[in-house]
C-alpha atoms as a PDB file:
ATOM      1  CA  UNK A   1      94.094  86.712 116.973  1.00  0.00           C
ATOM      2  CA  UNK A   2      93.580  84.680 113.788  1.00  0.00           C
ATOM      3  CA  UNK A   3      95.079  85.528 110.391  1.00  0.00           C
ATOM      4  CA  UNK A   4      91.972  87.179 108.936  1.00  0.00           C
ATOM      5  CA  UNK A   5      91.513  89.337 112.021  1.00  0.00           C
ATOM      6  CA  UNK A   6      95.167  90.386 111.905  1.00  0.00           C
ATOM      7  CA  UNK A   7      94.919  91.345 108.233  1.00  0.00           C
ATOM      8  CA  UNK A   8      91.782  93.409 108.874  1.00  0.00           C
ATOM      9  CA  UNK A   9      93.518  95.173 111.752  1.00  0.00           C
ATOM     10  CA  UNK A  10      96.550  95.954 109.595  1.00  0.00           C
ATOM     11  CA  UNK A  11      94.341  97.346 106.834  1.00  0.00           C
ATOM     12  CA  UNK A  12      92.397  99.434 109.354  1.00  0.00           C
ATOM     13  CA  UNK A  13      95.600 100.869 110.855  1.00  0.00           C
ATOM     14  CA  UNK A  14      96.963 101.711 107.413  1.00  0.00           C
ATOM     15  CA  UNK A  15      93.675 103.384 106.449  1.00  0.00           C
ATOM     16  CA  UNK A  16      93.636 105.354 109.714  1.00  0.00           C
ATOM     17  CA  UNK A  17      97.170 106.691 109.197  1.00  0.00           C
ATOM     18  CA  UNK A  18      96.546 107.469 105.518  1.00  0.00           C
ATOM     19  CA  UNK A  19      93.319 109.347 106.291  1.00  0.00           C
ATOM     20  CA  UNK A  20      95.179 111.562 108.769  1.00  0.00           C
ATOM     21  CA  UNK A  21      98.422 112.208 106.925  1.00  0.00           C
ATOM     22  CA  UNK A  22      98.002 111.196 103.277  1.00  0.00           C
ATOM     23  CA  UNK A  23      94.470 112.084 102.169  1.00  0.00           C
ATOM     24  CA  UNK A  24      93.860 111.431  98.461  1.00  0.00           C
ATOM     25  CA  UNK A  25      94.094 114.210  95.920  1.00  0.00           C
ATOM     26  CA  UNK A  26      93.014 114.287  92.298  1.00  0.00           C
ATOM     27  CA  UNK A  27      96.423 113.714  90.730  1.00  0.00           C
ATOM     28  CA  UNK A  28      97.223 110.681  92.873  1.00  0.00           C
ATOM     29  CA  UNK A  29      93.713 109.235  92.585  1.00  0.00           C
ATOM     30  CA  UNK A  30      93.830 109.681  88.816  1.00  0.00           C
ATOM     31  CA  UNK A  31      97.245 108.003  88.663  1.00  0.00           C
ATOM     32  CA  UNK A  32      95.924 104.935  90.433  1.00  0.00           C
ATOM     33  CA  UNK A  33      92.794 104.891  88.285  1.00  0.00           C
ATOM     34  CA  UNK A  34      94.789 105.225  85.062  1.00  0.00           C
ATOM     35  CA  UNK A  35      97.196 102.478  86.143  1.00  0.00           C
ATOM     36  CA  UNK A  36      94.338 100.131  86.934  1.00  0.00           C
ATOM     37  CA  UNK A  37      92.611 100.907  83.621  1.00  0.00           C
ATOM     38  CA  UNK A  38      95.851 100.115  81.768  1.00  0.00           C
ATOM     39  CA  UNK A  39      96.124  96.758  83.526  1.00  0.00           C
ATOM     40  CA  UNK A  40      99.249  97.558  85.534  1.00  0.00           C
ATOM     41  CA  UNK A  41      99.807  95.366  88.605  1.00  0.00           C
ATOM     42  CA  UNK A  42      98.556  96.889  91.852  1.00  0.00           C
ATOM     43  CA  UNK A  43     101.967  96.935  93.525  1.00  0.00           C
ATOM     44  CA  UNK A  44     102.516 100.676  93.933  1.00  0.00           C
ATOM     45  CA  UNK A  45     103.566 102.046  97.298  1.00  0.00           C
ATOM     46  CA  UNK A  46     100.757 102.803  99.716  1.00  0.00           C
ATOM     47  CA  UNK A  47      99.499 106.332 100.308  1.00  0.00           C
ATOM     48  CA  UNK A  48     101.260 106.436 103.681  1.00  0.00           C
ATOM     49  CA  UNK A  49     104.550 105.203 102.239  1.00  0.00           C
ATOM     50  CA  UNK A  50     104.259 107.707  99.408  1.00  0.00           C
ATOM     51  CA  UNK A  51     103.923 110.460 101.989  1.00  0.00           C
ATOM     52  CA  UNK A  52     106.988 109.089 103.815  1.00  0.00           C
ATOM     53  CA  UNK A  53     109.027 109.085 100.595  1.00  0.00           C
ATOM     54  CA  UNK A  54     107.992 112.664  99.932  1.00  0.00           C
ATOM     55  CA  UNK A  55     108.996 113.692 103.446  1.00  0.00           C
ATOM     56  CA  UNK A  56     112.403 112.030 103.109  1.00  0.00           C
ATOM     57  CA  UNK A  57     113.121 114.133 100.034  1.00  0.00           C
ATOM     58  CA  UNK A  58     111.969 117.265 101.862  1.00  0.00           C
ATOM     59  CA  UNK A  59     113.921 116.500 105.042  1.00  0.00           C
ATOM     60  CA  UNK A  60     117.119 115.595 103.201  1.00  0.00           C
ATOM     61  CA  UNK A  61     116.934 118.590 100.883  1.00  0.00           C
ATOM     62  CA  UNK A  62     117.475 116.309  97.890  1.00  0.00           C
ATOM     63  CA  UNK A  63     117.635 118.007  94.506  1.00  0.00           C
ATOM     64  CA  UNK A  64     118.440 114.999  92.312  1.00  0.00           C
ATOM     65  CA  UNK A  65     116.554 111.728  92.805  1.00  0.00           C
ATOM     66  CA  UNK A  66     116.986 108.386  91.054  1.00  0.00           C
ATOM     67  CA  UNK A  67     114.130 105.886  91.095  1.00  0.00           C
ATOM     68  CA  UNK A  68     114.698 102.280  90.008  1.00  0.00           C
ATOM     69  CA  UNK A  69     111.243 101.010  89.017  1.00  0.00           C
ATOM     70  CA  UNK A  70     108.595 103.473  87.814  1.00  0.00           C
ATOM     71  CA  UNK A  71     105.435 101.371  87.334  1.00  0.00           C
ATOM     72  CA  UNK A  72     102.595 103.912  86.903  1.00  0.00           C
ATOM     73  CA  UNK A  73     104.389 106.912  88.349  1.00  0.00           C
ATOM     74  CA  UNK A  74     102.589 107.017  91.713  1.00  0.00           C
ATOM     75  CA  UNK A  75     105.791 107.231  93.755  1.00  0.00           C
ATOM     76  CA  UNK A  76     107.384 109.477  91.115  1.00  0.00           C
ATOM     77  CA  UNK A  77     104.655 112.055  91.723  1.00  0.00           C
ATOM     78  CA  UNK A  78     105.443 112.050  95.438  1.00  0.00           C
ATOM     79  CA  UNK A  79     109.161 112.485  94.783  1.00  0.00           C
ATOM     80  CA  UNK A  80     108.704 115.217  92.192  1.00  0.00           C
ATOM     81  CA  UNK A  81     106.355 117.192  94.432  1.00  0.00           C
ATOM     82  CA  UNK A  82     109.068 117.387  97.079  1.00  0.00           C
ATOM     83  CA  UNK A  83     111.763 118.627  94.714  1.00  0.00           C
ATOM     84  CA  UNK A  84     112.624 122.302  94.282  1.00  0.00           C
ATOM     85  CA  UNK A  85     111.724 123.927  90.967  1.00  0.00           C
ATOM     86  CA  UNK A  86     115.158 123.173  89.529  1.00  0.00           C
ATOM     87  CA  UNK A  87     115.199 119.632  90.948  1.00  0.00           C
ATOM     88  CA  UNK A  88     115.195 116.514  88.802  1.00  0.00           C
ATOM     89  CA  UNK A  89     113.974 112.934  89.053  1.00  0.00           C
ATOM     90  CA  UNK A  90     115.265 110.203  86.742  1.00  0.00           C
ATOM     91  CA  UNK A  91     113.060 107.118  86.894  1.00  0.00           C
ATOM     92  CA  UNK A  92     114.043 103.812  85.270  1.00  0.00           C
ATOM     93  CA  UNK A  93     111.356 101.478  83.908  1.00  0.00           C
ATOM     94  CA  UNK A  94     111.715  98.216  81.996  1.00  0.00           C
ATOM     95  CA  UNK A  95     108.283  98.178  80.370  1.00  0.00           C
ATOM     96  CA  UNK A  96     107.485 100.815  77.722  1.00  0.00           C
ATOM     97  CA  UNK A  97     103.741 100.465  78.361  1.00  0.00           C
ATOM     98  CA  UNK A  98     104.227 101.155  82.055  1.00  0.00           C
ATOM     99  CA  UNK A  99     106.410 104.147  81.195  1.00  0.00           C
ATOM    100  CA  UNK A 100     103.731 105.588  78.906  1.00  0.00           C
ATOM    101  CA  UNK A 101     101.164 105.360  81.692  1.00  0.00           C
ATOM    102  CA  UNK A 102     103.583 106.943  84.140  1.00  0.00           C
ATOM    103  CA  UNK A 103     104.354 109.818  81.771  1.00  0.00           C
ATOM    104  CA  UNK A 104     100.647 110.587  81.410  1.00  0.00           C
ATOM    105  CA  UNK A 105     100.170 110.494  85.163  1.00  0.00           C
ATOM    106  CA  UNK A 106     103.170 112.737  85.805  1.00  0.00           C
ATOM    107  CA  UNK A 107     102.026 115.187  83.131  1.00  0.00           C
ATOM    108  CA  UNK A 108      98.520 115.320  84.606  1.00  0.00           C
ATOM    109  CA  UNK A 109     100.108 116.192  87.962  1.00  0.00           C
ATOM    110  CA  UNK A 110     101.947 119.091  86.303  1.00  0.00           C
ATOM    111  CA  UNK A 111     105.391 117.664  87.043  1.00  0.00           C
ATOM    112  CA  UNK A 112     106.760 116.665  83.633  1.00  0.00           C
ATOM    113  CA  UNK A 113     109.513 119.289  83.711  1.00  0.00           C
ATOM    114  CA  UNK A 114     111.063 117.655  86.781  1.00  0.00           C
ATOM    115  CA  UNK A 115     110.682 114.002  85.741  1.00  0.00           C
ATOM    116  CA  UNK A 116     112.529 112.008  83.106  1.00  0.00           C
ATOM    117  CA  UNK A 117     111.449 108.394  82.595  1.00  0.00           C
ATOM    118  CA  UNK A 118     113.981 106.174  80.858  1.00  0.00           C
ATOM    119  CA  UNK A 119     112.954 102.812  79.414  1.00  0.00           C
ATOM    120  CA  UNK A 120     115.145  99.721  79.354  1.00  0.00           C
ATOM    121  CA  UNK A 121     116.865  97.207  81.574  1.00  0.00           C
ATOM    122  CA  UNK A 122     117.802  98.948  84.819  1.00  0.00           C
ATOM    123  CA  UNK A 123     121.242  97.372  84.906  1.00  0.00           C
ATOM    124  CA  UNK A 124     122.098  98.825  81.507  1.00  0.00           C
ATOM    125  CA  UNK A 125     120.609 102.181  82.473  1.00  0.00           C
ATOM    126  CA  UNK A 126     122.568 102.290  85.719  1.00  0.00           C
ATOM    127  CA  UNK A 127     125.777 101.403  83.906  1.00  0.00           C
ATOM    128  CA  UNK A 128     125.039 104.224  81.479  1.00  0.00           C
ATOM    129  CA  UNK A 129     124.499 106.708  84.296  1.00  0.00           C
ATOM    130  CA  UNK A 130     127.884 105.773  85.750  1.00  0.00           C
ATOM    131  CA  UNK A 131     129.647 105.832  82.383  1.00  0.00           C
ATOM    132  CA  UNK A 132     128.165 109.198  81.468  1.00  0.00           C
ATOM    133  CA  UNK A 133     129.015 110.749  84.825  1.00  0.00           C
ATOM    134  CA  UNK A 134     125.400 111.559  85.649  1.00  0.00           C
ATOM    135  CA  UNK A 135     125.849 110.945  89.362  1.00  0.00           C
ATOM    136  CA  UNK A 136     125.896 111.560  92.158  1.00  0.00           C
ATOM    137  CA  UNK A 137     122.268 111.562  93.259  1.00  0.00           C
ATOM    138  CA  UNK A 138     121.015 112.877  96.581  1.00  0.00           C
ATOM    139  CA  UNK A 139     118.426 110.125  97.040  1.00  0.00           C
ATOM    140  CA  UNK A 140     118.006 106.750  95.323  1.00  0.00           C
ATOM    141  CA  UNK A 141     114.852 104.622  95.630  1.00  0.00           C
ATOM    142  CA  UNK A 142     115.009 100.921  94.712  1.00  0.00           C
ATOM    143  CA  UNK A 143     111.618  99.363  93.949  1.00  0.00           C
ATOM    144  CA  UNK A 144     112.062  96.977  91.029  1.00  0.00           C
ATOM    145  CA  UNK A 145     112.517  93.209  90.568  1.00  0.00           C
ATOM    146  CA  UNK A 146     113.452  91.860  93.976  1.00  0.00           C
ATOM    147  CA  UNK A 147     116.120  89.446  92.772  1.00  0.00           C
ATOM    148  CA  UNK A 148     118.007  92.428  91.369  1.00  0.00           C
ATOM    149  CA  UNK A 149     118.218  94.341  94.663  1.00  0.00           C
ATOM    150  CA  UNK A 150     121.756  93.285  95.701  1.00  0.00           C
ATOM    151  CA  UNK A 151     123.113  94.380  92.323  1.00  0.00           C
ATOM    152  CA  UNK A 152     121.079  97.580  92.353  1.00  0.00           C
ATOM    153  CA  UNK A 153     122.647  98.456  95.684  1.00  0.00           C
ATOM    154  CA  UNK A 154     126.132  98.086  94.196  1.00  0.00           C
ATOM    155  CA  UNK A 155     125.223 100.432  91.333  1.00  0.00           C
ATOM    156  CA  UNK A 156     123.545 102.860  93.719  1.00  0.00           C
ATOM    157  CA  UNK A 157     126.704 103.192  95.754  1.00  0.00           C
ATOM    158  CA  UNK A 158     128.594 104.083  92.585  1.00  0.00           C
ATOM    159  CA  UNK A 159     126.047 106.835  91.969  1.00  0.00           C
ATOM    160  CA  UNK A 160     126.166 108.211  95.510  1.00  0.00           C
ATOM    161  CA  UNK A 161     128.114 110.740  97.548  1.00  0.00           C
ATOM    162  CA  UNK A 162     128.530 111.045 101.310  1.00  0.00           C
ATOM    163  CA  UNK A 163     125.081 111.984 102.575  1.00  0.00           C
ATOM    164  CA  UNK A 164     123.086 110.279  99.807  1.00  0.00           C
ATOM    165  CA  UNK A 165     120.041 108.372 101.020  1.00  0.00           C
ATOM    166  CA  UNK A 166     119.474 104.914  99.519  1.00  0.00           C
ATOM    167  CA  UNK A 167     115.970 103.532 100.056  1.00  0.00           C
ATOM    168  CA  UNK A 168     114.798  99.993  99.360  1.00  0.00           C
ATOM    169  CA  UNK A 169     111.136  98.986  99.322  1.00  0.00           C
ATOM    170  CA  UNK A 170     109.602  95.608 100.305  1.00  0.00           C
ATOM    171  CA  UNK A 171     112.456  94.584 102.584  1.00  0.00           C
ATOM    172  CA  UNK A 172     110.395  92.498 105.026  1.00  0.00           C
ATOM    173  CA  UNK A 173     107.875  90.919 102.634  1.00  0.00           C
ATOM    174  CA  UNK A 174     105.475  89.715 105.303  1.00  0.00           C
ATOM    175  CA  UNK A 175     108.338  88.182 107.252  1.00  0.00           C
ATOM    176  CA  UNK A 176     109.520  85.887 104.466  1.00  0.00           C
ATOM    177  CA  UNK A 177     113.045  87.322 104.706  1.00  0.00           C
ATOM    178  CA  UNK A 178     113.451  85.752 108.150  1.00  0.00           C
ATOM    179  CA  UNK A 179     113.448  82.237 106.717  1.00  0.00           C
ATOM    180  CA  UNK A 180     113.441  82.686 102.932  1.00  0.00           C
ATOM    181  CA  UNK A 181     112.374  79.816 100.710  1.00  0.00           C
ATOM    182  CA  UNK A 182     112.041  81.582  97.336  1.00  0.00           C
ATOM    183  CA  UNK A 183     114.548  83.501  95.173  1.00  0.00           C
ATOM    184  CA  UNK A 184     112.955  86.908  95.759  1.00  0.00           C
ATOM    185  CA  UNK A 185     112.992  86.591  99.542  1.00  0.00           C
ATOM    186  CA  UNK A 186     116.550  85.238  99.512  1.00  0.00           C
ATOM    187  CA  UNK A 187     117.647  88.214  97.418  1.00  0.00           C
ATOM    188  CA  UNK A 188     115.919  90.626  99.789  1.00  0.00           C
ATOM    189  CA  UNK A 189     117.633  88.997 102.756  1.00  0.00           C
ATOM    190  CA  UNK A 190     120.983  89.378 100.974  1.00  0.00           C
ATOM    191  CA  UNK A 191     120.173  93.033 100.265  1.00  0.00           C
ATOM    192  CA  UNK A 192     119.283  93.660 103.914  1.00  0.00           C
ATOM    193  CA  UNK A 193     122.487  92.016 105.093  1.00  0.00           C
ATOM    194  CA  UNK A 194     124.600  94.026 102.665  1.00  0.00           C
ATOM    195  CA  UNK A 195     123.040  97.229 104.016  1.00  0.00           C
ATOM    196  CA  UNK A 196     123.771  96.167 107.584  1.00  0.00           C
ATOM    197  CA  UNK A 197     127.337  95.040 106.960  1.00  0.00           C
ATOM    198  CA  UNK A 198     128.679  97.675 104.563  1.00  0.00           C
ATOM    199  CA  UNK A 199     130.907 100.040 106.566  1.00  0.00           C
ATOM    200  CA  UNK A 200     130.096 102.856 104.133  1.00  0.00           C
ATOM    201  CA  UNK A 201     126.441 102.844 105.196  1.00  0.00           C
ATOM    202  CA  UNK A 202     124.388 103.725 108.240  1.00  0.00           C
ATOM    203  CA  UNK A 203     121.115 101.860 107.775  1.00  0.00           C
ATOM    204  CA  UNK A 204     117.889 100.632 109.302  1.00  0.00           C
ATOM    205  CA  UNK A 205     114.672  98.972 108.133  1.00  0.00           C
ATOM    206  CA  UNK A 206     111.473 100.762 109.125  1.00  0.00           C
ATOM    207  CA  UNK A 207     108.504  98.334 109.307  1.00  0.00           C
ATOM    208  CA  UNK A 208     105.471  99.397 107.283  1.00  0.00           C
ATOM    209  CA  UNK A 209     101.850  98.312 107.550  1.00  0.00           C
ATOM    210  CA  UNK A 210      99.554  97.604 104.629  1.00  0.00           C
ATOM    211  CA  UNK A 211      97.654  94.324 104.387  1.00  0.00           C
ATOM    212  CA  UNK A 212     100.749  92.669 105.814  1.00  0.00           C
ATOM    213  CA  UNK A 213     103.968  93.798 107.454  1.00  0.00           C
ATOM    214  CA  UNK A 214     106.585  95.048 105.050  1.00  0.00           C
ATOM    215  CA  UNK A 215     109.503  97.411 105.362  1.00  0.00           C
ATOM    216  CA  UNK A 216     111.397 100.347 103.902  1.00  0.00           C
ATOM    217  CA  UNK A 217     115.183 100.220 104.178  1.00  0.00           C
ATOM    218  CA  UNK A 218     116.763 103.616 104.756  1.00  0.00           C
ATOM    219  CA  UNK A 219     120.523 103.907 104.400  1.00  0.00           C
ATOM    220  CA  UNK A 220     122.723 107.003 104.578  1.00  0.00           C
ATOM    221  CA  UNK A 221     125.973 106.836 102.667  1.00  0.00           C
ATOM    222  CA  UNK A 222     128.826 107.773 104.988  1.00  0.00           C
ATOM    223  CA  UNK A 223     131.717 107.185 102.604  1.00  0.00           C
ATOM    224  CA  UNK A 224     132.120 106.181  98.943  1.00  0.00           C
END
């Protein structure tokens, strides 16, 4: 099977799964449309992965979620929908323009009361969360600059409790982590190895299909 055929098959499988389990709705469709109109990069999670993120919140019973990397708020909508009425999502975004788009999308979805988007460098924001005693969180989702992942994991552990789920997106990157030759892939490989080797964590990478193979790391904090 040649490369083009493989990519078509992957796209078809992703579309098949999404049509069954993650059909589009107005709020999510509008969020993608608004993000595209604003010129945001098309790097949001897929519909199927969004549904998986939502289910992980529901299954874990998470009430407080931390998201590192907001973009246009597509994944934030999935998280917020899974939270109870008194639940809260804090989402960290570097770019003010992205945050403005995300706020509009979250408001359109009727979820503003559960979502707080903070703008600034994630490292500074994470340090502030620790300093201000705003942890622990029940679930933490890392989906920001890839070279920052190893450091984000360290901060996430400081904001966790036993039972917290730490999720990391893009952990396979089309297989580039197997033999990395660029800084982003090397950082992702380091992140994956830290998850596997840290005795405080029980972790696994779940492969995901889009137009290439990628992965979602899922780690449960056993001890802090």
